[in-house]
Amino acid sequence: MGDSHAWTAAPAAAEQARSVLAAAWSCAVTAEGGREEFVGAHSVTDDGRVLLHVPEDSALLAAAVCAPRGEPSAVLEFADVAPVPVRGRIRARLWLAGWFAVADGHLAFRPTRVVLRRPSGAVVVDVDEFTAAAPDPLALAEARLLTHLADCHGDAVQRLTRLVDPESLHGAVRVRPLAVDRHGLTLRIERVRDHGDVRLPFHAPADEIAQLTERVHVLLAQAGRASCPRALQRQRTDGDG
């Protein structure tokens, strides 16, 4: 069983859903014609519509043409996969139910129901909130940022564990960066038989990579001060006389 931690300063469900949608490279589509997997075939508009490019002889295209407008003609599924190899790499799943319309040689999908499943459970996202939300500003850079952190700065990851409750680190065999967004960094703590996640919130949101670098440096500074709290306390006590 994984750890249970409160996610402080975390993105709202609508924002996270839009982030999953923005960063996903593939999607699965279930419609009357069956289930199809598409890789690199979709794009997303600013209002959350999904534009899907399919072959002219696709059964999905025929199903979209025949479906009554306004009725759910398909369900799209997107997986949020951790870019760093960890145990249990699926961080979230996003389902969009809605209808397709044929436009300019591609299928334009407008969601009428949005469901986001996170480790804490599934939540139905208000469609208007989903439409109005924007992806996290770091969503498209997250894979590169986390991979660099894991591959080139393992010592920094270990230093950040000084900010984690020692009980959460009991029995840990590996700690890896799991996710990062404008609000904070999440670490995956793996043990022999289970794993848990710990979120380290930033002191202020990071809306660009330069700000993210500063936020992480602040966390590392906090970790440095937390490294030997008992020794520091003794020094202050001795100095007070």
Protein backbone atom coordinates (compact mmCIF):
# COMPACT_ATOMS: atom_id res chain seq x y z
CA MET A 1 0.00 0.00 0.00
CA GLY A 2 1.36 3.45 -0.91
CA ASP A 3 1.71 6.40 1.42
CA SER A 4 -1.11 8.89 1.84
CA HIS A 5 0.02 12.52 1.68
CA ALA A 6 -1.90 15.77 1.40
CA TRP A 7 -0.95 17.56 -1.81
CA THR A 8 -0.26 21.13 -0.80
CA ALA A 9 -0.42 23.83 -3.50
CA ALA A 10 -1.39 21.31 -6.17
CA PRO A 11 -2.99 22.12 -9.53
CA ALA A 12 -6.77 22.05 -9.77
CA ALA A 13 -8.37 19.05 -11.47
CA ALA A 14 -9.27 21.04 -14.60
CA GLU A 15 -5.71 22.33 -14.95
CA GLN A 16 -4.26 18.85 -14.45
CA ALA A 17 -6.67 17.40 -17.01
CA ARG A 18 -5.59 20.01 -19.55
CA SER A 19 -1.93 19.27 -18.74
CA VAL A 20 -2.42 15.55 -19.34
CA LEU A 21 -4.13 16.34 -22.63
CA ALA A 22 -1.42 18.78 -23.73
CA ALA A 23 1.50 16.45 -23.00
CA ALA A 24 0.00 13.15 -24.21
CA TRP A 25 1.49 11.76 -27.41
CA SER A 26 -1.06 9.01 -27.95
CA CYS A 27 -4.73 8.34 -27.29
CA ALA A 28 -7.17 5.44 -27.43
CA VAL A 29 -10.55 6.01 -29.03
CA THR A 30 -13.57 3.83 -28.32
CA ALA A 31 -16.53 4.31 -30.66
CA GLU A 32 -19.22 2.31 -32.37
CA GLY A 33 -16.64 1.06 -34.84
CA GLY A 34 -14.50 -0.45 -32.07
CA ARG A 35 -11.35 0.69 -30.29
CA GLU A 36 -8.36 2.23 -32.05
CA GLU A 37 -5.01 3.47 -30.79
CA PHE A 38 -3.52 6.61 -32.34
CA VAL A 39 0.06 7.81 -31.88
CA GLY A 40 1.08 11.33 -32.81
CA ALA A 41 -2.22 11.86 -34.61
CA HIS A 42 -3.93 14.47 -32.46
CA SER A 43 -3.58 18.10 -31.49
CA VAL A 44 -5.47 20.25 -28.98
CA THR A 45 -7.10 23.64 -29.44
CA ASP A 46 -7.06 26.40 -26.83
CA ASP A 47 -10.59 25.49 -25.71
CA GLY A 48 -9.79 21.81 -25.18
CA ARG A 49 -11.14 20.34 -28.41
CA VAL A 50 -9.14 17.42 -29.79
CA LEU A 51 -8.33 17.42 -33.50
CA LEU A 52 -7.68 13.87 -34.71
CA HIS A 53 -6.20 12.99 -38.08
CA VAL A 54 -7.33 9.53 -39.28
CA PRO A 55 -7.18 7.66 -42.60
CA GLU A 56 -10.07 8.17 -44.99
CA ASP A 57 -11.09 4.52 -44.65
CA SER A 58 -11.10 4.63 -40.83
CA ALA A 59 -14.12 3.03 -39.14
CA LEU A 60 -13.96 5.88 -36.65
CA LEU A 61 -14.56 8.41 -39.42
CA ALA A 62 -17.62 6.49 -40.61
CA ALA A 63 -18.96 6.25 -37.04
CA ALA A 64 -18.53 10.00 -36.53
CA VAL A 65 -20.46 10.76 -39.70
CA CYS A 66 -23.37 8.50 -38.70
CA ALA A 67 -23.62 9.46 -35.01
CA PRO A 68 -26.46 11.87 -34.07
CA ARG A 69 -24.98 15.29 -33.31
CA GLY A 70 -24.80 16.09 -29.63
CA GLU A 71 -24.87 12.46 -28.52
CA PRO A 72 -21.69 10.84 -27.14
CA SER A 73 -20.16 9.23 -30.19
CA ALA A 74 -16.80 8.29 -28.67
CA VAL A 75 -14.65 8.11 -25.57
CA LEU A 76 -11.04 9.25 -25.74
CA GLU A 77 -8.53 7.98 -23.18
CA PHE A 78 -5.16 9.54 -22.42
CA ALA A 79 -2.52 8.20 -20.03
CA ASP A 80 -0.18 10.41 -18.04
CA VAL A 81 3.05 8.41 -17.96
CA ALA A 82 5.98 9.38 -15.74
CA PRO A 83 8.98 10.25 -17.94
CA VAL A 84 11.41 8.81 -15.38
CA PRO A 85 11.33 5.01 -14.97
CA VAL A 86 9.58 4.26 -11.69
CA ARG A 87 7.37 1.54 -10.31
CA GLY A 88 3.82 2.19 -11.49
CA ARG A 89 4.52 4.80 -14.18
CA ILE A 90 0.88 5.74 -14.89
CA ARG A 91 0.36 8.90 -12.84
CA ALA A 92 -3.17 9.63 -14.05
CA ARG A 93 -5.70 8.75 -16.74
CA LEU A 94 -8.02 11.13 -18.52
CA TRP A 95 -11.29 10.14 -20.21
CA LEU A 96 -13.22 12.47 -22.50
CA ALA A 97 -16.71 11.51 -23.65
CA GLY A 98 -18.29 13.54 -26.42
CA TRP A 99 -18.91 13.73 -30.13
CA PHE A 100 -16.89 14.07 -33.31
CA ALA A 101 -17.56 16.39 -36.20
CA VAL A 102 -15.79 16.20 -39.53
CA ALA A 103 -13.94 19.43 -40.28
CA ASP A 104 -11.23 20.28 -42.83
CA GLY A 105 -10.25 16.66 -43.41
CA HIS A 106 -9.92 15.72 -39.76
CA LEU A 107 -12.15 14.85 -36.82
CA ALA A 108 -12.87 17.58 -34.29
CA PHE A 109 -13.84 16.13 -30.90
CA ARG A 110 -15.76 18.23 -28.41
CA PRO A 111 -15.99 16.74 -24.89
CA THR A 112 -19.27 16.71 -23.02
CA ARG A 113 -17.94 14.81 -19.98
CA VAL A 114 -14.45 14.85 -18.48
CA VAL A 115 -13.17 12.34 -15.90
CA LEU A 116 -9.70 12.45 -14.37
CA ARG A 117 -8.44 9.48 -12.37
CA ARG A 118 -5.58 10.19 -10.00
CA PRO A 119 -4.04 7.97 -7.30
CA SER A 120 -6.46 9.58 -4.83
CA GLY A 121 -9.46 8.56 -6.95
CA ALA A 122 -11.54 9.68 -9.91
CA VAL A 123 -13.08 13.13 -10.20
CA VAL A 124 -15.58 14.47 -12.72
CA VAL A 125 -14.28 17.77 -14.07
CA ASP A 126 -16.79 20.47 -14.93
CA VAL A 127 -16.75 20.87 -18.72
CA ASP A 128 -16.83 24.67 -18.55
CA GLU A 129 -13.89 24.67 -16.12
CA PHE A 130 -12.03 22.25 -18.37
CA THR A 131 -12.63 24.48 -21.40
CA ALA A 132 -11.50 27.62 -19.57
CA ALA A 133 -8.44 26.04 -17.94
CA ALA A 134 -4.93 26.19 -19.40
CA PRO A 135 -2.27 23.48 -19.15
CA ASP A 136 0.43 23.89 -16.54
CA PRO A 137 3.13 26.15 -18.06
CA LEU A 138 5.75 23.44 -17.43
CA ALA A 139 3.70 20.55 -18.87
CA LEU A 140 5.44 20.35 -22.23
CA ALA A 141 8.91 20.68 -20.68
CA GLU A 142 8.29 18.33 -17.73
CA ALA A 143 9.67 15.18 -19.37
CA ARG A 144 12.97 16.87 -20.25
CA LEU A 145 13.26 18.56 -16.86
CA LEU A 146 12.61 15.41 -14.81
CA THR A 147 14.87 13.23 -16.97
CA HIS A 148 17.70 15.73 -16.56
CA LEU A 149 17.14 15.91 -12.80
CA ALA A 150 17.15 12.11 -12.46
CA ASP A 151 20.10 11.43 -14.77
CA CYS A 152 22.39 14.33 -13.95
CA HIS A 153 21.47 15.49 -10.43
CA GLY A 154 20.83 12.36 -8.40
CA ASP A 155 22.73 13.94 -5.52
CA ALA A 156 20.24 16.82 -5.46
CA VAL A 157 17.33 14.37 -5.36
CA GLN A 158 18.90 12.63 -2.37
CA ARG A 159 19.44 15.98 -0.67
CA LEU A 160 15.77 16.84 -1.10
CA THR A 161 14.82 13.76 0.92
CA ARG A 162 15.95 15.71 4.01
CA LEU A 163 12.63 17.57 3.65
CA VAL A 164 10.66 14.32 3.83
CA ASP A 165 9.18 12.87 7.01
CA PRO A 166 11.61 10.14 8.17
CA GLU A 167 8.71 7.71 8.53
CA SER A 168 8.03 8.00 4.80
CA LEU A 169 11.67 7.10 4.09
CA HIS A 170 11.67 3.99 6.29
CA GLY A 171 12.70 1.02 4.18
CA ALA A 172 13.29 3.13 1.07
CA VAL A 173 15.48 1.53 -1.59
CA ARG A 174 15.20 4.26 -4.23
CA VAL A 175 13.91 7.83 -4.54
CA ARG A 176 13.13 9.28 -7.97
CA PRO A 177 11.55 12.51 -9.22
CA LEU A 178 8.01 11.63 -10.28
CA ALA A 179 6.39 14.90 -11.34
CA VAL A 180 6.87 18.64 -11.42
CA ASP A 181 4.44 21.47 -12.07
CA ARG A 182 4.32 25.17 -11.34
CA HIS A 183 3.26 24.45 -7.75
CA GLY A 184 5.77 21.83 -6.62
CA LEU A 185 7.95 18.75 -7.09
CA THR A 186 6.80 15.21 -6.31
CA LEU A 187 9.18 12.41 -5.32
CA ARG A 188 8.43 8.70 -5.66
CA ILE A 189 9.77 6.70 -2.70
CA GLU A 190 10.16 3.03 -3.59
CA ARG A 191 10.51 0.23 -1.05
CA VAL A 192 10.88 -3.49 -1.54
CA ARG A 193 7.13 -4.21 -1.60
CA ASP A 194 5.44 -0.84 -2.02
CA HIS A 195 5.95 2.81 -2.82
CA GLY A 196 4.65 6.22 -1.84
CA ASP A 197 4.72 9.78 -3.14
CA VAL A 198 5.76 12.93 -1.30
CA ARG A 199 5.11 16.42 -2.62
CA LEU A 200 7.49 19.30 -1.95
CA PRO A 201 5.57 22.55 -2.59
CA PHE A 202 7.36 25.62 -3.93
CA HIS A 203 7.22 28.85 -1.95
CA ALA A 204 5.67 30.54 -5.02
CA PRO A 205 4.39 29.30 -8.40
CA ALA A 206 6.90 28.82 -11.22
CA ASP A 207 5.49 29.98 -14.53
CA GLU A 208 8.68 29.45 -16.55
CA ILE A 209 11.83 27.33 -16.41
CA ALA A 210 13.98 30.13 -14.99
CA GLN A 211 11.58 30.46 -12.07
CA LEU A 212 11.53 26.68 -11.63
CA THR A 213 15.32 26.64 -11.27
CA GLU A 214 15.07 29.25 -8.51
CA ARG A 215 12.28 27.36 -6.76
CA VAL A 216 14.30 24.12 -6.73
CA HIS A 217 17.35 25.98 -5.39
CA VAL A 218 15.20 27.27 -2.54
CA LEU A 219 14.12 23.71 -1.73
CA LEU A 220 17.76 22.58 -1.77
CA ALA A 221 18.69 25.41 0.58
CA GLN A 222 15.89 24.37 2.91
CA ALA A 223 17.16 20.79 2.74
CA GLY A 224 20.66 21.97 3.65
CA ARG A 225 19.36 23.74 6.75
CA ALA A 226 17.34 20.66 7.70
CA SER A 227 20.29 18.28 7.47
CA CYS A 228 21.42 18.44 11.09
CA PRO A 229 18.66 20.06 13.15
CA ARG A 230 19.69 18.49 16.47
CA ALA A 231 23.31 19.63 16.13
CA LEU A 232 22.16 23.14 15.23
CA GLN A 233 19.84 23.18 18.23
CA ARG A 234 22.71 22.14 20.53
CA GLN A 235 24.94 24.87 19.08
CA ARG A 236 22.30 27.51 19.73
CA THR A 237 21.74 26.22 23.28
CA ASP A 238 25.46 26.24 24.02
CA GLY A 239 25.80 29.73 22.58
CA ASP A 240 23.01 31.01 24.80
CA GLY A 241 25.06 29.94 27.77
